[in-house]
Protein backbone atom coordinates (compact mmCIF):
# COMPACT_ATOMS: atom_id res chain seq x y z
CA MET A 1 73.81 -17.73 65.69
CA SER A 2 71.96 -20.98 65.09
CA ARG A 3 72.93 -24.10 63.27
CA ARG A 4 71.51 -27.53 62.81
CA ILE A 5 72.50 -30.98 61.68
CA PRO A 6 69.95 -32.00 59.01
CA ALA A 7 67.67 -34.81 60.03
CA ALA A 8 68.74 -36.73 56.94
CA THR A 9 72.16 -37.27 58.52
CA THR A 10 70.78 -38.55 61.79
CA GLY A 11 71.85 -42.01 62.92
CA ARG A 12 69.62 -44.12 65.17
CA VAL A 13 70.64 -46.64 67.82
CA ASP A 14 68.13 -48.96 69.53
CA ALA A 15 68.06 -48.31 73.25
CA GLY A 16 67.34 -51.98 73.93
CA LEU A 17 64.84 -51.32 76.72
CA ASN A 18 63.16 -54.47 78.00
CA ARG A 19 59.51 -53.44 77.83
CA GLY A 20 58.29 -56.51 79.68
CA SER A 21 59.56 -55.35 83.06
CA THR A 22 60.89 -52.32 84.81
CA ALA A 23 63.99 -50.95 83.16
CA ALA A 24 66.69 -53.61 83.23
CA PHE A 25 70.13 -53.21 84.76
CA ALA A 26 73.20 -54.92 83.41
CA LYS A 27 75.46 -56.87 85.72
CA PRO A 28 76.91 -54.49 88.31
CA ASP A 29 80.44 -54.49 89.65
CA ARG A 30 81.20 -55.37 93.28
CA ARG A 31 79.83 -52.04 94.46
CA GLY A 32 76.67 -52.50 92.40
CA LEU A 33 77.73 -49.79 89.94
CA ARG A 34 77.88 -50.42 86.22
CA PRO A 35 80.97 -48.98 84.56
CA CYS A 36 80.54 -46.07 82.18
CA ARG A 37 80.68 -47.23 78.55
CA THR A 38 82.16 -44.00 77.30
CA ASP A 39 84.46 -41.32 78.61
CA LEU A 40 82.18 -38.73 77.02
CA MET A 41 81.41 -38.03 79.86
CA TYR A 42 61.38 -19.39 86.52
CA LEU A 43 61.17 -18.44 84.55
CA ASP A 44 64.38 -17.12 83.11
CA THR A 45 62.62 -14.04 81.76
CA ALA A 46 62.08 -13.14 85.41
CA ASP A 47 65.81 -13.43 85.99
CA ALA A 48 66.98 -9.86 85.40
CA LEU A 49 70.50 -10.86 86.23
CA ARG A 50 73.09 -8.39 87.39
CA PHE A 51 76.70 -9.52 87.31
CA THR A 52 79.12 -7.90 89.75
CA PRO A 53 82.77 -8.62 88.88
CA ALA A 54 84.24 -8.15 92.36
CA ALA A 55 83.25 -9.27 95.83
CA THR A 56 83.90 -8.00 99.32
CA SER A 57 81.90 -10.51 101.38
CA ALA A 58 80.45 -14.00 101.33
CA PRO A 59 76.98 -14.49 99.79
CA GLN A 60 74.16 -14.06 102.28
CA PHE A 61 71.07 -16.19 102.82
CA ARG A 62 68.03 -13.93 102.61
CA PRO A 63 65.81 -14.39 105.70
CA GLY A 64 62.12 -15.08 105.29
CA LEU A 65 58.95 -14.89 107.35
CA ILE A 66 60.09 -17.99 109.22
CA SER A 67 63.55 -17.62 110.75
CA LEU A 68 65.76 -20.48 109.60
CA PRO A 69 68.05 -20.38 112.69
CA ALA A 70 65.02 -20.35 114.99
CA LEU A 71 63.43 -23.24 113.10
CA ASN A 72 66.62 -25.31 113.33
CA ALA A 73 66.92 -24.54 117.05
CA THR A 74 63.32 -25.59 117.66
CA ILE A 75 63.80 -28.86 115.79
CA SER A 76 66.98 -29.59 117.78
CA ARG A 77 65.14 -29.01 121.07
CA LEU A 78 62.35 -31.36 120.00
CA TRP A 79 64.91 -34.04 119.18
CA SER A 80 66.76 -33.55 122.47
CA ALA A 81 63.53 -33.78 124.44
CA GLY A 82 62.53 -36.96 122.64
CA LEU A 83 59.38 -35.31 121.33
CA ARG A 84 60.27 -35.97 117.70
CA PRO A 85 62.47 -38.72 116.23
CA ARG A 86 65.63 -37.60 114.48
CA PRO A 87 65.83 -38.75 110.84
CA VAL A 88 67.97 -41.81 110.19
CA LEU A 89 69.66 -41.29 106.84
CA GLU A 90 70.73 -44.89 106.35
CA PRO A 91 69.63 -47.03 103.37
CA GLU A 92 67.78 -49.68 105.39
CA ALA A 93 65.90 -47.09 107.44
CA LEU A 94 64.86 -45.15 104.34
CA LEU A 95 63.78 -48.32 102.53
CA ALA A 96 61.71 -49.42 105.52
CA ARG A 97 60.09 -45.99 105.77
CA ALA A 98 59.10 -46.15 102.07
CA VAL A 99 57.65 -49.64 102.52
CA ARG A 100 55.51 -48.41 105.42
CA GLN A 101 54.19 -45.57 103.26
CA ILE A 102 53.23 -47.72 100.26
CA GLY A 103 52.41 -51.06 101.88
CA VAL A 104 54.47 -53.18 99.48
CA ASP A 105 58.11 -54.16 99.67
CA ASN A 106 59.06 -55.30 96.17
CA PHE A 107 61.88 -52.99 95.08
CA GLY A 108 63.08 -55.48 92.50
CA GLU A 109 66.72 -56.16 91.77
CA ALA A 110 69.18 -54.19 93.88
CA GLY A 111 71.07 -52.74 90.93
CA GLN A 112 72.64 -49.35 90.40
CA TRP A 113 69.88 -47.49 92.21
CA ARG A 114 70.69 -49.28 95.48
CA ALA A 115 74.42 -48.68 95.11
CA LEU A 116 73.78 -44.99 94.39
CA LEU A 117 71.48 -44.75 97.43
CA GLU A 118 74.26 -46.16 99.59
CA CYS A 119 76.78 -43.79 98.04
CA LEU A 120 74.48 -40.80 98.59
CA THR A 121 73.65 -41.59 102.22
CA SER A 122 77.33 -42.17 102.94
CA ALA A 123 78.15 -38.78 101.42
CA LEU A 124 75.37 -37.12 103.43
CA ALA A 125 77.17 -38.11 106.63
CA GLY A 126 79.83 -35.56 105.72
CA ALA A 127 77.52 -32.90 104.27
CA ASN A 128 77.10 -31.03 107.59
CA LEU A 129 73.32 -30.98 107.29
CA SER A 130 71.29 -28.73 109.54
CA PRO A 131 68.20 -30.10 111.30
CA ILE A 132 65.96 -28.85 108.49
CA GLY A 133 68.44 -30.37 106.02
CA GLU A 134 68.15 -33.77 107.67
CA ILE A 135 64.36 -33.59 107.55
CA VAL A 136 64.35 -32.54 103.88
CA ALA A 137 66.82 -35.29 102.96
CA GLU A 138 64.75 -37.95 104.71
CA SER A 139 61.56 -36.69 103.08
CA GLN A 140 63.00 -36.50 99.58
CA LEU A 141 64.76 -39.86 99.64
CA THR A 142 61.81 -41.63 101.23
CA GLY A 143 59.54 -40.05 98.62
CA ALA A 144 61.79 -41.19 95.79
CA LEU A 145 61.91 -44.75 97.13
CA ALA A 146 58.13 -44.79 97.67
CA ALA A 147 57.64 -43.60 94.08
CA ARG A 148 59.96 -46.39 92.96
CA LEU A 149 57.83 -48.97 94.76
CA ARG A 150 54.62 -47.56 93.33
CA ALA A 151 56.05 -47.33 89.80
CA ARG A 152 57.20 -50.94 89.86
CA ALA A 153 53.78 -52.11 91.07
CA ILE A 154 51.97 -50.07 88.40
CA TRP A 155 54.28 -51.32 85.64
CA ARG A 156 53.81 -54.97 86.57
CA ALA A 157 50.02 -54.66 86.93
CA ASN A 158 49.48 -52.70 83.71
CA PRO A 159 51.69 -54.10 80.93
CA GLU A 160 49.95 -51.89 78.35
CA ILE A 161 51.92 -48.92 79.71
CA ALA A 162 55.02 -50.21 77.94
CA ALA A 163 53.32 -49.54 74.61
CA LEU A 164 52.66 -45.86 75.33
CA PRO A 165 54.85 -43.86 72.96
CA ILE A 166 57.34 -41.19 73.96
CA THR A 167 57.95 -40.33 70.33
CA ALA A 168 60.49 -37.80 69.05
CA PRO A 169 60.76 -35.87 72.32
CA ILE A 170 61.92 -32.27 72.17
CA VAL A 171 64.89 -32.22 74.54
CA ILE A 172 66.22 -28.89 75.81
CA ILE A 173 69.96 -29.09 76.40
CA GLY A 174 71.80 -26.38 78.28
CA GLN A 175 73.73 -25.47 81.38
CA MET A 176 71.84 -24.58 84.51
CA ARG A 177 70.77 -20.91 84.32
CA SER A 178 71.26 -20.71 80.55
CA GLY A 179 67.63 -19.97 79.65
CA THR A 180 66.31 -23.53 79.57
CA THR A 181 63.32 -22.84 81.83
CA ARG A 182 62.23 -19.85 79.78
CA LEU A 183 62.26 -21.95 76.60
CA GLN A 184 60.51 -24.88 78.27
CA ARG A 185 57.67 -22.67 79.50
CA LEU A 186 57.28 -20.91 76.18
CA LEU A 187 56.90 -24.29 74.49
CA ALA A 188 54.53 -25.40 77.25
CA ALA A 189 52.17 -22.63 76.11
CA ASP A 190 51.61 -24.67 72.93
CA PRO A 191 48.72 -27.10 73.61
CA ARG A 192 50.00 -29.39 70.85
CA LEU A 193 53.07 -30.22 72.96
CA ASP A 194 53.33 -32.08 76.26
CA HIS A 195 55.36 -31.14 79.32
CA THR A 196 55.99 -32.18 82.91
CA ARG A 197 54.29 -30.14 85.62
CA LEU A 198 56.17 -29.27 88.78
CA PHE A 199 53.97 -31.40 91.05
CA GLU A 200 54.53 -34.42 88.78
CA SER A 201 58.28 -34.05 89.22
CA TRP A 202 58.44 -33.06 92.88
CA LEU A 203 55.94 -35.75 93.88
CA PRO A 204 56.34 -38.41 91.17
CA ILE A 205 53.96 -41.33 90.61
CA GLY A 206 51.37 -40.11 93.09
CA SER A 207 48.75 -42.85 92.78
CA ALA A 208 48.22 -46.40 91.59
CA ARG A 209 45.71 -45.52 88.87
CA PRO A 210 44.48 -42.55 86.81
CA SER A 211 42.25 -40.20 88.78
CA ARG A 212 40.65 -36.83 88.21
CA LEU A 213 41.46 -35.89 91.79
CA ASP A 214 45.22 -35.49 92.18
CA LEU A 215 46.16 -34.08 95.56
CA ARG A 216 49.79 -33.67 94.54
CA ARG A 217 49.10 -30.24 93.08
CA ALA A 218 47.78 -28.99 96.43
CA ARG A 219 50.65 -30.65 98.31
CA ALA A 220 53.19 -29.05 95.98
CA ALA A 221 51.54 -25.65 96.44
CA LEU A 222 51.79 -25.99 100.23
CA TRP A 223 55.41 -27.12 99.90
CA LEU A 224 56.19 -24.08 97.77
CA ALA A 225 54.49 -21.76 100.26
CA GLY A 226 56.57 -23.21 103.08
CA THR A 227 59.75 -22.91 101.05
CA ARG A 228 59.03 -19.27 100.26
CA ALA A 229 58.37 -18.51 103.91
CA ILE A 230 61.77 -19.90 104.89
CA ASN A 231 63.74 -19.10 101.73
CA PRO A 232 62.26 -16.18 99.74
CA GLY A 233 65.43 -16.00 97.66
CA PHE A 234 64.35 -19.15 95.87
CA THR A 235 61.33 -17.32 94.46
CA VAL A 236 63.62 -14.69 92.96
CA ILE A 237 66.02 -17.22 91.47
CA HIS A 238 63.43 -19.67 90.17
CA PRO A 239 59.83 -18.42 90.14
CA THR A 240 57.47 -21.36 89.72
CA ALA A 241 54.08 -22.77 90.67
CA ALA A 242 52.67 -26.21 91.42
CA GLY A 243 51.15 -26.58 87.96
CA ALA A 244 53.91 -24.83 86.03
CA ALA A 245 56.05 -26.61 83.47
CA ASP A 246 59.24 -27.68 85.21
CA GLU A 247 62.17 -30.00 84.82
CA GLU A 248 62.08 -33.76 85.35
CA ALA A 249 64.80 -33.84 88.02
CA GLY A 250 62.35 -35.50 90.40
CA LEU A 251 61.82 -38.40 88.00
CA LEU A 252 65.58 -38.84 87.76
CA GLY A 253 65.58 -38.76 91.56
CA VAL A 254 63.55 -41.99 91.53
CA THR A 255 66.45 -43.64 89.68
CA MET A 256 68.79 -42.32 92.42
CA CYS A 257 70.92 -40.65 89.76
CA SER A 258 69.87 -37.00 89.93
CA SER A 259 71.73 -33.71 90.08
CA GLN A 260 68.91 -32.36 92.25
CA TYR A 261 70.71 -33.95 95.20
CA GLU A 262 74.04 -32.34 94.26
CA ILE A 263 72.43 -28.89 94.16
CA GLN A 264 71.10 -29.21 97.71
CA TRP A 265 73.87 -31.04 99.54
CA ARG A 266 77.66 -31.22 99.43
CA VAL A 267 78.04 -34.80 98.19
CA PRO A 268 81.03 -34.88 95.80
CA ASP A 269 81.58 -38.66 95.99
CA TYR A 270 77.99 -39.21 94.93
CA ALA A 271 78.38 -36.64 92.13
CA ARG A 272 81.45 -38.44 90.78
CA ALA A 273 79.57 -41.77 90.88
CA CYS A 274 76.73 -40.29 88.83
CA GLU A 275 79.23 -38.96 86.30
CA THR A 276 81.03 -42.27 85.79
CA ILE A 277 78.44 -45.05 85.87
CA ASP A 278 76.68 -46.25 82.74
CA ARG A 279 73.62 -44.02 82.56
CA GLU A 280 71.74 -45.97 79.90
CA PRO A 281 69.77 -47.98 82.50
CA VAL A 282 69.02 -44.71 84.30
CA TYR A 283 67.37 -43.34 81.17
CA ALA A 284 65.59 -46.60 80.44
CA GLU A 285 63.95 -46.20 83.85
CA PHE A 286 63.39 -42.51 83.17
CA LYS A 287 61.49 -43.37 80.01
CA ALA A 288 59.36 -45.89 81.90
CA LEU A 289 58.55 -43.21 84.49
CA LEU A 290 57.46 -40.85 81.72
CA GLN A 291 55.21 -43.57 80.32
CA ILE A 292 53.65 -44.13 83.74
CA THR A 293 53.19 -40.37 84.16
CA ARG A 294 51.42 -40.23 80.81
CA TRP A 295 49.24 -43.22 81.75
CA LEU A 296 48.29 -41.65 85.10
CA ARG A 297 46.99 -38.59 83.28
CA GLY A 298 44.28 -40.78 81.78
CA ARG A 299 42.12 -39.22 79.08
CA THR A 300 43.86 -35.86 79.41
CA ALA A 301 47.03 -37.33 77.96
CA ALA A 302 47.36 -37.27 74.18
CA ALA A 303 49.85 -40.00 73.41
CA ASP A 304 50.86 -38.41 70.11
CA ARG A 305 52.00 -35.11 71.62
CA PRO A 306 55.77 -34.59 71.53
CA TRP A 307 57.06 -34.27 75.09
CA VAL A 308 59.26 -31.28 75.90
CA LEU A 309 61.94 -32.49 78.33
CA LYS A 310 64.37 -30.29 80.26
CA VAL A 311 66.96 -31.05 82.93
CA PRO A 312 70.46 -29.49 82.89
CA GLN A 313 71.80 -32.94 83.81
CA PHE A 314 70.88 -34.13 80.31
CA SER A 315 74.08 -32.52 79.01
CA GLN A 316 76.35 -34.81 81.03
CA ASP A 317 74.20 -37.85 80.22
CA LEU A 318 73.64 -37.02 76.55
CA ALA A 319 75.10 -40.20 75.06
CA ALA A 320 72.90 -42.40 77.27
CA LEU A 321 69.83 -40.25 76.73
CA LEU A 322 70.15 -40.57 72.95
CA LYS A 323 70.42 -44.35 73.15
CA VAL A 324 67.08 -44.51 74.95
CA PHE A 325 65.48 -41.70 72.90
CA PRO A 326 67.16 -42.16 69.50
CA ASP A 327 64.62 -39.93 67.73
CA ALA A 328 65.05 -37.01 70.12
CA ARG A 329 65.32 -33.50 68.70
CA LEU A 330 67.71 -31.28 70.62
CA LEU A 331 67.38 -27.57 71.33
CA CYS A 332 70.80 -26.49 72.59
CA LEU A 333 71.01 -23.24 74.54
CA ASP A 334 74.14 -21.19 75.09
CA ARG A 335 74.77 -18.20 77.30
CA ASP A 336 77.88 -16.29 78.35
CA ALA A 337 79.81 -18.76 80.51
CA ALA A 338 80.83 -16.36 83.28
CA THR A 339 77.29 -15.07 83.72
CA THR A 340 75.83 -18.58 83.61
CA LEU A 341 78.26 -19.90 86.22
CA ALA A 342 77.76 -16.89 88.48
CA SER A 343 74.00 -17.46 88.44
CA SER A 344 74.42 -21.23 88.91
CA THR A 345 76.69 -20.93 91.94
CA SER A 346 74.30 -18.41 93.47
CA LEU A 347 71.42 -20.87 93.10
CA VAL A 348 73.44 -23.75 94.57
CA HIS A 349 74.52 -21.58 97.51
CA ASN A 350 70.90 -20.63 98.15
CA GLN A 351 69.84 -24.28 98.26
CA MET A 352 72.77 -25.48 100.37
CA ALA A 353 72.50 -22.58 102.84
CA MET A 354 68.94 -23.61 103.60
CA GLN A 355 69.97 -27.17 104.48
CA SER A 356 73.50 -27.00 105.86
CA ASP A 357 75.11 -25.51 108.96
CA SER A 358 78.19 -24.55 106.96
CA VAL A 359 78.47 -23.68 103.28
CA ASP A 360 81.77 -23.00 101.49
CA PRO A 361 81.25 -20.67 98.50
CA GLN A 362 84.77 -21.38 97.24
CA TRP A 363 84.04 -25.10 97.10
CA ILE A 364 80.76 -24.44 95.28
CA GLY A 365 82.63 -22.35 92.71
CA GLY A 366 85.18 -25.07 91.99
CA GLU A 367 82.61 -27.88 91.94
CA TRP A 368 80.25 -26.13 89.54
CA LEU A 369 83.05 -24.99 87.28
CA HIS A 370 83.91 -28.69 87.02
CA LYS A 371 80.25 -29.52 86.29
CA MET A 372 80.00 -26.85 83.61
CA ALA A 373 83.24 -27.96 81.93
CA LEU A 374 82.19 -31.62 82.01
CA ARG A 375 78.75 -30.96 80.56
CA ASP A 376 80.12 -28.61 77.93
CA ARG A 377 82.70 -31.18 76.79
CA ILE A 378 80.24 -34.05 76.65
CA ARG A 379 77.71 -32.06 74.67
CA ARG A 380 80.37 -30.89 72.24
CA ASP A 381 81.78 -34.40 71.74
CA VAL A 382 78.40 -36.11 71.33
CA LEU A 383 77.07 -33.54 68.87
CA ALA A 384 80.31 -33.70 66.88
CA THR A 385 79.50 -37.28 65.91
CA GLY A 386 76.77 -35.91 63.61
CA GLY A 387 74.20 -38.49 64.64
CA THR A 388 71.44 -36.30 66.04
CA PRO A 389 69.59 -33.24 64.71
CA TYR A 390 70.01 -30.19 66.90
CA LEU A 391 69.47 -26.46 66.83
CA ALA A 392 71.80 -24.05 68.62
CA ILE A 393 70.00 -21.16 70.32
CA ASP A 394 71.64 -18.08 71.80
CA TYR A 395 70.36 -16.66 75.09
CA ALA A 396 70.98 -13.08 73.95
CA ALA A 397 69.06 -13.71 70.73
CA MET A 398 66.10 -14.98 72.77
CA ASP A 399 66.29 -11.82 74.86
CA HIS A 400 66.43 -9.64 71.76
CA ASP A 401 63.55 -11.21 69.80
CA TRP A 402 61.97 -14.29 71.29
CA ARG A 403 59.35 -14.48 68.54
CA ALA A 404 61.98 -14.71 65.80
CA GLU A 405 63.82 -17.42 67.72
CA LEU A 406 60.61 -19.39 68.25
CA TYR A 407 59.93 -19.31 64.50
CA HIS A 408 63.47 -20.70 63.95
CA ILE A 409 62.78 -23.41 66.53
CA TYR A 410 59.45 -24.46 65.04
CA ASP A 411 60.96 -24.49 61.57
CA PHE A 412 63.64 -26.85 62.87
CA LEU A 413 60.99 -29.03 64.53
CA GLN A 414 58.94 -28.97 61.31
CA ILE A 415 55.86 -27.89 63.26
CA PRO A 416 53.72 -24.95 62.10
CA LEU A 417 53.64 -21.99 64.49
CA PRO A 418 50.25 -20.31 64.06
CA GLY A 419 49.38 -16.89 65.40
CA PRO A 420 47.17 -18.14 68.25
CA VAL A 421 50.08 -20.14 69.71
CA ILE A 422 52.37 -17.10 69.53
CA ASP A 423 49.62 -15.14 71.28
CA ARG A 424 49.51 -17.75 74.06
CA MET A 425 53.26 -17.47 74.48
CA ALA A 426 53.09 -13.68 74.61
CA ALA A 427 50.28 -13.86 77.17
CA PHE A 428 52.36 -16.21 79.28
CA LEU A 429 55.30 -13.79 79.26
CA SER A 430 52.97 -10.94 80.13
CA ARG A 431 51.55 -12.88 83.09
CA SER A 432 55.03 -13.52 84.36
CA GLY A 433 55.01 -10.02 85.79
CA ALA A 434 57.87 -7.76 86.75
CA ARG A 435 61.45 -8.87 86.34
CA HIS A 436 63.01 -9.82 89.64
CA GLN A 437 66.54 -8.87 90.60
CA HIS A 438 68.75 -11.91 91.11
CA HIS A 439 72.07 -10.50 92.30
CA TYR A 440 75.16 -12.65 92.08
CA ASP A 441 78.87 -12.17 92.34
CA LEU A 442 81.37 -14.47 90.65
CA ALA A 443 84.28 -13.52 92.92
CA GLN A 444 82.35 -14.62 96.01
CA PHE A 445 82.81 -18.16 94.71
CA GLY A 446 86.54 -17.86 94.02
CA LEU A 447 86.05 -17.48 90.27
CA ASP A 448 86.91 -14.98 87.58
CA PRO A 449 86.12 -14.85 83.84
CA ASP A 450 89.68 -15.71 82.77
CA ARG A 451 89.74 -18.88 84.87
CA ILE A 452 86.38 -19.91 83.45
CA ARG A 453 87.42 -19.30 79.85
CA THR A 454 90.62 -21.30 80.37
CA ARG A 455 88.77 -24.24 81.93
CA LEU A 456 86.08 -24.31 79.24
CA ALA A 457 88.41 -23.93 76.27
CA PRO A 458 88.26 -26.98 73.95
CA ALA A 459 91.30 -29.23 74.29
């Protein structure tokens, strides 16, 4: 059920991060993209998942208090009447918008991040975005670029940040919808460990200095309320809150290499670029963003706390992640592949249906089967080298006896697990409330268990 590579066999490779500046990029190719150095390429307890093996209709977008078609129609009328400007999803326009927000214009070297921004905006032109999709895309990309400006200014003005440790992080590795959020939030109940809060990821690098008053939490809460009013299905699929432990996809968004964009928009060219570039500079920047996040917390941040990190994208970037975090300890989750993919495609459809005028479930099925196979292969190949300690964790075992699995995990981490911490975890699960029904149907996405098993079978 679980296995580990002993720490004594672990090899370490220096990530080579230049701590005197923002994360360095190597020389790009003509497109600005560095070649890949290797071909290796909410709560889930609230996800009472029901798998239906056959489909008779396309998946439906669940309407909310605010009608999505009516909202899109209203936005279109405002644009047509010249009462509101239509978003311009071009690199120069987005960069200029970010500069106006922050008041500085020093983005630094136009390395991979700029090439990826150009690739993403080019792909968005063919993503068939709805009016609300265009607004969300402009807001997210402007926010990521503004955070990039602010992070660079903070890093240059406060060189001591480079010395803040991100020591022996606990990295949760697993496919999307494989139980990673449940494990992350259980570990977040332990006050001896650190974690990223949703508002810190959705609205990264919110100020220029530590402050007790952080308005990002309130902004994230309002954003969540608006999302629920338009898209209540999101609450069923991924229950969360502004201050809840959540994944660091927003920090990766600042690097412009983030699967959060792939989940929302049909951008396959951008997805392939993120899979094939050298991701080591991406994770060097990611580490710097974590250090800035820790610094912005001020006295509330205990620098010696191990940070629990979780993004499904880590699986496809595992080789690069381990170069930047060579002392990482991996918790690797596995769940039945057909069930995992059915739940994943349902989530992606939910996100795309909110932001696109036309969503193809069959395309989503094929694209995310590719993503699952890629991530599964990379994880398998990287772990087979024997250079990193890891613990394999089964989703069903967590369902059966989460306490027993947590004791296994803490034994692997060599951290005591006292009764009061277990009590905090149990209280957290109790507060999570009733299990929601997330219905999904594999056949709606042109998939069946046999096809999935064949695609995921080791070569």
